[in-house]
C-alpha cells in the first residue's frame, strides 16, 4: 500500500499530505485491521488495458499478477471473505 501511495504521488494523482496520511495509517495499522477482499473483474472488459507485473516486482515470482491502472468502479465487484 505504501508503494502504491508513492507511485500515485509520483504520477501526480495524490498530493504529499495524502501520501503521508496513507503511509502513516498503514504503518500504524495492526494486522487485525487488514482483511482479505476478492475483486471480481470481467476479463473481457479489461484485457486491453492490463499490464503484466515484472517477476521481480511480484509478491511471489511464480504468480501471475497484473496491473490495471484507473479501473472504473463499475467494472468490478468486491467480495469480502469472512473467517
PDB file of N, CA and C in Angstrom:
ATOM      1  N   UNK A   1       0.815  -1.178   0.000  1.00  0.00           N
ATOM      2  CA  UNK A   1       0.000   0.000   0.000  1.00  0.00           C
ATOM      3  C   UNK A   1       0.870   1.257   0.000  1.00  0.00           C
ATOM      4  N   UNK A   2       1.957   1.190   0.725  1.00  0.00           N
ATOM      5  CA  UNK A   2       2.870   2.331   0.738  1.00  0.00           C
ATOM      6  C   UNK A   2       3.490   2.525  -0.637  1.00  0.00           C
ATOM      7  N   UNK A   3       3.885   1.434  -1.253  1.00  0.00           N
ATOM      8  CA  UNK A   3       4.456   1.532  -2.597  1.00  0.00           C
ATOM      9  C   UNK A   3       3.435   2.124  -3.566  1.00  0.00           C
ATOM     10  N   UNK A   4       2.171   1.710  -3.439  1.00  0.00           N
ATOM     11  CA  UNK A   4       1.117   2.246  -4.296  1.00  0.00           C
ATOM     12  C   UNK A   4       0.892   3.726  -4.064  1.00  0.00           C
ATOM     13  N   UNK A   5       0.924   4.143  -2.797  1.00  0.00           N
ATOM     14  CA  UNK A   5       0.743   5.561  -2.482  1.00  0.00           C
ATOM     15  C   UNK A   5       1.891   6.386  -3.054  1.00  0.00           C
ATOM     16  N   UNK A   6       3.085   5.859  -2.962  1.00  0.00           N
ATOM     17  CA  UNK A   6       4.240   6.592  -3.522  1.00  0.00           C
ATOM     18  C   UNK A   6       4.151   6.672  -5.038  1.00  0.00           C
ATOM     19  N   UNK A   7       3.700   5.588  -5.661  1.00  0.00           N
ATOM     20  CA  UNK A   7       3.553   5.602  -7.120  1.00  0.00           C
ATOM     21  C   UNK A   7       2.495   6.609  -7.540  1.00  0.00           C
ATOM     22  N   UNK A   8       1.370   6.652  -6.828  1.00  0.00           N
ATOM     23  CA  UNK A   8       0.305   7.613  -7.157  1.00  0.00           C
ATOM     24  C   UNK A   8       0.767   9.049  -6.920  1.00  0.00           C
ATOM     25  N   UNK A   9       1.586   9.258  -5.904  1.00  0.00           N
ATOM     26  CA  UNK A   9       2.149  10.587  -5.665  1.00  0.00           C
ATOM     27  C   UNK A   9       3.059  10.982  -6.833  1.00  0.00           C
ATOM     28  N   UNK A  10       3.938  10.049  -7.238  1.00  0.00           N
ATOM     29  CA  UNK A  10       4.853  10.323  -8.348  1.00  0.00           C
ATOM     30  C   UNK A  10       4.105  10.609  -9.648  1.00  0.00           C
ATOM     31  N   UNK A  11       2.920  10.015  -9.802  1.00  0.00           N
ATOM     32  CA  UNK A  11       2.101  10.234 -11.001  1.00  0.00           C
ATOM     33  C   UNK A  11       1.281  11.511 -10.910  1.00  0.00           C
ATOM     34  N   UNK A  12       1.288  12.151  -9.737  1.00  0.00           N
ATOM     35  CA  UNK A  12       0.517  13.375  -9.551  1.00  0.00           C
ATOM     36  C   UNK A  12      -0.951  13.132  -9.247  1.00  0.00           C
ATOM     37  N   UNK A  13      -1.309  11.895  -8.915  1.00  0.00           N
ATOM     38  CA  UNK A  13      -2.703  11.563  -8.629  1.00  0.00           C
ATOM     39  C   UNK A  13      -3.092  12.014  -7.224  1.00  0.00           C
ATOM     40  N   UNK A  14      -2.168  11.889  -6.269  1.00  0.00           N
ATOM     41  CA  UNK A  14      -2.416  12.346  -4.903  1.00  0.00           C
ATOM     42  C   UNK A  14      -1.346  13.349  -4.507  1.00  0.00           C
ATOM     43  N   UNK A  15      -1.666  14.189  -3.522  1.00  0.00           N
ATOM     44  CA  UNK A  15      -0.683  15.184  -3.073  1.00  0.00           C
ATOM     45  C   UNK A  15       0.141  14.620  -1.909  1.00  0.00           C
ATOM     46  N   UNK A  16       1.130  15.382  -1.482  1.00  0.00           N
ATOM     47  CA  UNK A  16       2.045  14.914  -0.446  1.00  0.00           C
ATOM     48  C   UNK A  16       1.344  14.659   0.892  1.00  0.00           C
ATOM     49  N   UNK A  17       0.459  15.538   1.366  1.00  0.00           N
ATOM     50  CA  UNK A  17      -0.225  15.234   2.622  1.00  0.00           C
ATOM     51  C   UNK A  17      -1.051  13.939   2.566  1.00  0.00           C
ATOM     52  N   UNK A  18      -1.662  13.664   1.435  1.00  0.00           N
ATOM     53  CA  UNK A  18      -2.430  12.430   1.285  1.00  0.00           C
ATOM     54  C   UNK A  18      -1.504  11.220   1.315  1.00  0.00           C
ATOM     55  N   UNK A  19      -0.384  11.315   0.607  1.00  0.00           N
ATOM     56  CA  UNK A  19       0.602  10.224   0.622  1.00  0.00           C
ATOM     57  C   UNK A  19       1.088   9.967   2.037  1.00  0.00           C
ATOM     58  N   UNK A  20       1.419  11.031   2.753  1.00  0.00           N
ATOM     59  CA  UNK A  20       1.896  10.891   4.128  1.00  0.00           C
ATOM     60  C   UNK A  20       0.831  10.269   5.027  1.00  0.00           C
ATOM     61  N   UNK A  21      -0.424  10.651   4.852  1.00  0.00           N
ATOM     62  CA  UNK A  21      -1.513  10.081   5.635  1.00  0.00           C
ATOM     63  C   UNK A  21      -1.664   8.590   5.368  1.00  0.00           C
ATOM     64  N   UNK A  22      -1.604   8.203   4.118  1.00  0.00           N
ATOM     65  CA  UNK A  22      -1.701   6.780   3.771  1.00  0.00           C
ATOM     66  C   UNK A  22      -0.547   6.008   4.394  1.00  0.00           C
ATOM     67  N   UNK A  23       0.664   6.511   4.259  1.00  0.00           N
ATOM     68  CA  UNK A  23       1.828   5.821   4.817  1.00  0.00           C
ATOM     69  C   UNK A  23       1.727   5.695   6.334  1.00  0.00           C
ATOM     70  N   UNK A  24       1.342   6.765   7.006  1.00  0.00           N
ATOM     71  CA  UNK A  24       1.226   6.727   8.467  1.00  0.00           C
ATOM     72  C   UNK A  24       0.135   5.758   8.908  1.00  0.00           C
ATOM     73  N   UNK A  25      -0.970   5.740   8.191  1.00  0.00           N
ATOM     74  CA  UNK A  25      -2.075   4.840   8.527  1.00  0.00           C
ATOM     75  C   UNK A  25      -1.642   3.387   8.374  1.00  0.00           C
ATOM     76  N   UNK A  26      -0.952   3.074   7.305  1.00  0.00           N
ATOM     77  CA  UNK A  26      -0.500   1.703   7.071  1.00  0.00           C
ATOM     78  C   UNK A  26       0.534   1.284   8.116  1.00  0.00           C
ATOM     79  N   UNK A  27       1.447   2.168   8.446  1.00  0.00           N
ATOM     80  CA  UNK A  27       2.493   1.840   9.420  1.00  0.00           C
ATOM     81  C   UNK A  27       1.889   1.581  10.797  1.00  0.00           C
ATOM     82  N   UNK A  28       0.878   2.349  11.169  1.00  0.00           N
ATOM     83  CA  UNK A  28       0.266   2.214  12.498  1.00  0.00           C
ATOM     84  C   UNK A  28      -0.786   1.106  12.581  1.00  0.00           C
ATOM     85  N   UNK A  29      -1.238   0.617  11.455  1.00  0.00           N
ATOM     86  CA  UNK A  29      -2.309  -0.385  11.437  1.00  0.00           C
ATOM     87  C   UNK A  29      -1.822  -1.716  12.006  1.00  0.00           C
ATOM     88  N   UNK A  30      -2.727  -2.385  12.682  1.00  0.00           N
ATOM     89  CA  UNK A  30      -2.424  -3.727  13.173  1.00  0.00           C
ATOM     90  C   UNK A  30      -2.860  -4.739  12.122  1.00  0.00           C
ATOM     91  N   UNK A  31      -2.356  -5.935  12.223  1.00  0.00           N
ATOM     92  CA  UNK A  31      -2.710  -6.980  11.271  1.00  0.00           C
ATOM     93  C   UNK A  31      -4.210  -7.253  11.282  1.00  0.00           C
ATOM     94  N   UNK A  32      -4.835  -7.117  12.445  1.00  0.00           N
ATOM     95  CA  UNK A  32      -6.275  -7.377  12.563  1.00  0.00           C
ATOM     96  C   UNK A  32      -7.107  -6.387  11.742  1.00  0.00           C
ATOM     97  N   UNK A  33      -6.541  -5.232  11.406  1.00  0.00           N
ATOM     98  CA  UNK A  33      -7.276  -4.235  10.630  1.00  0.00           C
ATOM     99  C   UNK A  33      -7.291  -4.528   9.135  1.00  0.00           C
ATOM    100  N   UNK A  34      -6.507  -5.497   8.719  1.00  0.00           N
ATOM    101  CA  UNK A  34      -6.485  -5.897   7.317  1.00  0.00           C
ATOM    102  C   UNK A  34      -7.371  -7.123   7.148  1.00  0.00           C
ATOM    103  N   UNK A  35      -8.084  -7.198   6.029  1.00  0.00           N
ATOM    104  CA  UNK A  35      -8.928  -8.349   5.764  1.00  0.00           C
ATOM    105  C   UNK A  35      -8.874  -8.666   4.278  1.00  0.00           C
ATOM    106  N   UNK A  36      -9.062  -9.921   3.946  1.00  0.00           N
ATOM    107  CA  UNK A  36      -8.998 -10.278   2.529  1.00  0.00           C
ATOM    108  C   UNK A  36     -10.225  -9.796   1.763  1.00  0.00           C
ATOM    109  N   UNK A  37      -9.978  -9.286   0.588  1.00  0.00           N
ATOM    110  CA  UNK A  37     -11.038  -8.892  -0.335  1.00  0.00           C
ATOM    111  C   UNK A  37     -10.775  -9.591  -1.664  1.00  0.00           C
ATOM    112  N   UNK A  38     -11.818  -9.955  -2.329  1.00  0.00           N
ATOM    113  CA  UNK A  38     -11.700 -10.560  -3.645  1.00  0.00           C
ATOM    114  C   UNK A  38     -12.376  -9.628  -4.639  1.00  0.00           C
ATOM    115  N   UNK A  39     -11.601  -9.144  -5.603  1.00  0.00           N
ATOM    116  CA  UNK A  39     -12.169  -8.293  -6.647  1.00  0.00           C
ATOM    117  C   UNK A  39     -12.522  -9.174  -7.840  1.00  0.00           C
ATOM    118  N   UNK A  40     -13.748  -9.092  -8.287  1.00  0.00           N
ATOM    119  CA  UNK A  40     -14.207  -9.845  -9.445  1.00  0.00           C
ATOM    120  C   UNK A  40     -14.251  -8.873 -10.621  1.00  0.00           C
ATOM    121  N   UNK A  41     -13.377  -9.122 -11.595  1.00  0.00           N
ATOM    122  CA  UNK A  41     -13.218  -8.216 -12.737  1.00  0.00           C
ATOM    123  C   UNK A  41     -13.400  -9.019 -14.018  1.00  0.00           C
ATOM    124  N   UNK A  42     -14.356  -8.662 -14.846  1.00  0.00           N
ATOM    125  CA  UNK A  42     -14.534  -9.409 -16.104  1.00  0.00           C
ATOM    126  C   UNK A  42     -13.358  -9.157 -17.057  1.00  0.00           C
ATOM    127  N   UNK A  43     -12.698 -10.231 -17.422  1.00  0.00           N
ATOM    128  CA  UNK A  43     -11.518 -10.142 -18.278  1.00  0.00           C
ATOM    129  C   UNK A  43     -11.830  -9.424 -19.591  1.00  0.00           C
ATOM    130  N   UNK A  44     -12.979  -9.697 -20.166  1.00  0.00           N
ATOM    131  CA  UNK A  44     -13.315  -9.097 -21.463  1.00  0.00           C
ATOM    132  C   UNK A  44     -13.368  -7.568 -21.398  1.00  0.00           C
ATOM    133  N   UNK A  45     -13.650  -7.030 -20.223  1.00  0.00           N
ATOM    134  CA  UNK A  45     -13.750  -5.577 -20.086  1.00  0.00           C
ATOM    135  C   UNK A  45     -12.399  -4.905 -19.881  1.00  0.00           C
ATOM    136  N   UNK A  46     -11.385  -5.675 -19.474  1.00  0.00           N
ATOM    137  CA  UNK A  46     -10.097  -5.052 -19.130  1.00  0.00           C
ATOM    138  C   UNK A  46      -8.901  -5.608 -19.891  1.00  0.00           C
ATOM    139  N   UNK A  47      -9.093  -6.639 -20.685  1.00  0.00           N
ATOM    140  CA  UNK A  47      -7.947  -7.303 -21.311  1.00  0.00           C
ATOM    141  C   UNK A  47      -7.090  -6.371 -22.159  1.00  0.00           C
ATOM    142  N   UNK A  48      -7.670  -5.306 -22.652  1.00  0.00           N
ATOM    143  CA  UNK A  48      -6.917  -4.372 -23.498  1.00  0.00           C
ATOM    144  C   UNK A  48      -6.100  -3.356 -22.678  1.00  0.00           C
ATOM    145  N   UNK A  49      -6.302  -3.304 -21.365  1.00  0.00           N
ATOM    146  CA  UNK A  49      -5.581  -2.318 -20.554  1.00  0.00           C
ATOM    147  C   UNK A  49      -4.713  -2.940 -19.453  1.00  0.00           C
ATOM    148  N   UNK A  50      -4.707  -4.268 -19.335  1.00  0.00           N
ATOM    149  CA  UNK A  50      -3.898  -4.882 -18.278  1.00  0.00           C
ATOM    150  C   UNK A  50      -2.419  -4.826 -18.627  1.00  0.00           C
ATOM    151  N   UNK A  51      -1.608  -4.695 -17.591  1.00  0.00           N
ATOM    152  CA  UNK A  51      -0.150  -4.733 -17.739  1.00  0.00           C
ATOM    153  C   UNK A  51       0.358  -5.878 -16.880  1.00  0.00           C
ATOM    154  N   UNK A  52       1.277  -6.659 -17.422  1.00  0.00           N
ATOM    155  CA  UNK A  52       1.890  -7.726 -16.638  1.00  0.00           C
ATOM    156  C   UNK A  52       2.886  -7.121 -15.655  1.00  0.00           C
ATOM    157  N   UNK A  53       2.933  -7.670 -14.452  1.00  0.00           N
ATOM    158  CA  UNK A  53       3.883  -7.221 -13.437  1.00  0.00           C
ATOM    159  C   UNK A  53       5.191  -7.983 -13.647  1.00  0.00           C
ATOM    160  N   UNK A  54       6.310  -7.273 -13.616  1.00  0.00           N
ATOM    161  CA  UNK A  54       7.609  -7.914 -13.755  1.00  0.00           C
ATOM    162  C   UNK A  54       7.812  -8.922 -12.632  1.00  0.00           C
ATOM    163  N   UNK A  55       8.429 -10.064 -12.911  1.00  0.00           N
ATOM    164  CA  UNK A  55       8.634 -11.074 -11.867  1.00  0.00           C
ATOM    165  C   UNK A  55       9.334 -10.538 -10.619  1.00  0.00           C
ATOM    166  N   UNK A  56      10.239  -9.599 -10.770  1.00  0.00           N
ATOM    167  CA  UNK A  56      10.949  -9.048  -9.611  1.00  0.00           C
ATOM    168  C   UNK A  56      10.061  -8.172  -8.737  1.00  0.00           C
ATOM    169  N   UNK A  57       8.925  -7.723  -9.269  1.00  0.00           N
ATOM    170  CA  UNK A  57       8.015  -6.859  -8.523  1.00  0.00           C
ATOM    171  C   UNK A  57       6.799  -7.606  -7.971  1.00  0.00           C
ATOM    172  N   UNK A  58       6.693  -8.880  -8.255  1.00  0.00           N
ATOM    173  CA  UNK A  58       5.541  -9.663  -7.812  1.00  0.00           C
ATOM    174  C   UNK A  58       5.664 -10.052  -6.348  1.00  0.00           C
ATOM    175  N   UNK A  59       4.518 -10.300  -5.724  1.00  0.00           N
ATOM    176  CA  UNK A  59       4.513 -10.797  -4.354  1.00  0.00           C
ATOM    177  C   UNK A  59       5.189 -12.164  -4.295  1.00  0.00           C
ATOM    178  N   UNK A  60       5.006 -12.930  -5.351  1.00  0.00           N
ATOM    179  CA  UNK A  60       5.640 -14.243  -5.479  1.00  0.00           C
ATOM    180  C   UNK A  60       6.059 -14.388  -6.934  1.00  0.00           C
ATOM    181  N   UNK A  61       7.286 -14.747  -7.161  1.00  0.00           N
ATOM    182  CA  UNK A  61       7.838 -14.759  -8.516  1.00  0.00           C
ATOM    183  C   UNK A  61       7.076 -15.668  -9.472  1.00  0.00           C
ATOM    184  N   UNK A  62       6.464 -16.728  -8.963  1.00  0.00           N
ATOM    185  CA  UNK A  62       5.776 -17.679  -9.836  1.00  0.00           C
ATOM    186  C   UNK A  62       4.293 -17.364 -10.039  1.00  0.00           C
ATOM    187  N   UNK A  63       3.806 -16.304  -9.416  1.00  0.00           N
ATOM    188  CA  UNK A  63       2.380 -15.972  -9.558  1.00  0.00           C
ATOM    189  C   UNK A  63       2.147 -15.123 -10.810  1.00  0.00           C
ATOM    190  N   UNK A  64       0.916 -15.151 -11.281  1.00  0.00           N
ATOM    191  CA  UNK A  64       0.509 -14.269 -12.370  1.00  0.00           C
ATOM    192  C   UNK A  64      -0.096 -13.023 -11.747  1.00  0.00           C
ATOM    193  N   UNK A  65       0.493 -11.869 -12.017  1.00  0.00           N
ATOM    194  CA  UNK A  65      -0.012 -10.623 -11.462  1.00  0.00           C
ATOM    195  C   UNK A  65      -0.142  -9.596 -12.581  1.00  0.00           C
ATOM    196  N   UNK A  66      -1.162  -8.768 -12.425  1.00  0.00           N
ATOM    197  CA  UNK A  66      -1.446  -7.746 -13.424  1.00  0.00           C
ATOM    198  C   UNK A  66      -1.707  -6.412 -12.736  1.00  0.00           C
ATOM    199  N   UNK A  67      -1.490  -5.348 -13.472  1.00  0.00           N
ATOM    200  CA  UNK A  67      -1.841  -4.002 -13.022  1.00  0.00           C
ATOM    201  C   UNK A  67      -2.908  -3.481 -13.980  1.00  0.00           C
ATOM    202  N   UNK A  68      -3.957  -2.939 -13.401  1.00  0.00           N
ATOM    203  CA  UNK A  68      -4.985  -2.273 -14.195  1.00  0.00           C
ATOM    204  C   UNK A  68      -5.075  -0.856 -13.644  1.00  0.00           C
ATOM    205  N   UNK A  69      -4.508   0.074 -14.356  1.00  0.00           N
ATOM    206  CA  UNK A  69      -4.499   1.455 -13.895  1.00  0.00           C
ATOM    207  C   UNK A  69      -5.850   2.107 -14.107  1.00  0.00           C
ATOM    208  N   UNK A  70      -6.287   2.852 -13.095  1.00  0.00           N
ATOM    209  CA  UNK A  70      -7.518   3.633 -13.186  1.00  0.00           C
ATOM    210  C   UNK A  70      -8.736   2.787 -13.566  1.00  0.00           C
ATOM    211  N   UNK A  71      -8.912   1.676 -12.873  1.00  0.00           N
ATOM    212  CA  UNK A  71     -10.059   0.788 -13.124  1.00  0.00           C
ATOM    213  C   UNK A  71     -11.334   1.463 -12.645  1.00  0.00           C
ATOM    214  N   UNK A  72     -12.267   1.709 -13.548  1.00  0.00           N
ATOM    215  CA  UNK A  72     -13.529   2.339 -13.134  1.00  0.00           C
ATOM    216  C   UNK A  72     -14.303   1.429 -12.176  1.00  0.00           C
ATOM    217  N   UNK A  73     -14.951   2.026 -11.184  1.00  0.00           N
ATOM    218  CA  UNK A  73     -15.667   1.265 -10.161  1.00  0.00           C
ATOM    219  C   UNK A  73     -16.738   0.355 -10.747  1.00  0.00           C
ATOM    220  N   UNK A  74     -17.353   0.756 -11.833  1.00  0.00           N
ATOM    221  CA  UNK A  74     -18.425  -0.064 -12.393  1.00  0.00           C
ATOM    222  C   UNK A  74     -17.919  -1.341 -13.070  1.00  0.00           C
ATOM    223  N   UNK A  75     -16.594  -1.500 -13.177  1.00  0.00           N
ATOM    224  CA  UNK A  75     -16.048  -2.693 -13.814  1.00  0.00           C
ATOM    225  C   UNK A  75     -15.631  -3.791 -12.841  1.00  0.00           C
ATOM    226  N   UNK A  76     -15.928  -3.635 -11.568  1.00  0.00           N
ATOM    227  CA  UNK A  76     -15.583  -4.717 -10.652  1.00  0.00           C
ATOM    228  C   UNK A  76     -16.553  -4.789  -9.490  1.00  0.00           C
ATOM    229  N   UNK A  77     -16.648  -5.980  -8.930  1.00  0.00           N
ATOM    230  CA  UNK A  77     -17.406  -6.229  -7.707  1.00  0.00           C
ATOM    231  C   UNK A  77     -16.415  -6.610  -6.624  1.00  0.00           C
ATOM    232  N   UNK A  78     -16.768  -6.312  -5.372  1.00  0.00           N
ATOM    233  CA  UNK A  78     -15.920  -6.651  -4.231  1.00  0.00           C
ATOM    234  C   UNK A  78     -16.642  -7.687  -3.379  1.00  0.00           C
ATOM    235  N   UNK A  79     -15.944  -8.781  -3.110  1.00  0.00           N
ATOM    236  CA  UNK A  79     -16.463  -9.806  -2.215  1.00  0.00           C
ATOM    237  C   UNK A  79     -15.593  -9.807  -0.963  1.00  0.00           C
ATOM    238  N   UNK A  80     -16.229  -9.674   0.201  1.00  0.00           N
ATOM    239  CA  UNK A  80     -15.491  -9.762   1.458  1.00  0.00           C
ATOM    240  C   UNK A  80     -15.494 -11.207   1.926  1.00  0.00           C
ATOM    241  N   UNK A  81     -14.327 -11.694   2.267  1.00  0.00           N
ATOM    242  CA  UNK A  81     -14.190 -13.059   2.740  1.00  0.00           C
ATOM    243  C   UNK A  81     -14.203 -13.045   4.266  1.00  0.00           C
ATOM    244  N   UNK A  82     -15.135 -13.750   4.864  1.00  0.00           N
ATOM    245  CA  UNK A  82     -15.254 -13.790   6.320  1.00  0.00           C
ATOM    246  C   UNK A  82     -14.605 -15.044   6.853  1.00  0.00           C
ATOM    247  N   UNK A  83     -14.026 -14.908   8.024  1.00  0.00           N
ATOM    248  CA  UNK A  83     -13.351 -16.060   8.647  1.00  0.00           C
ATOM    249  C   UNK A  83     -14.337 -16.959   9.307  1.00  0.00           C
TER     250      UNK A  83
END
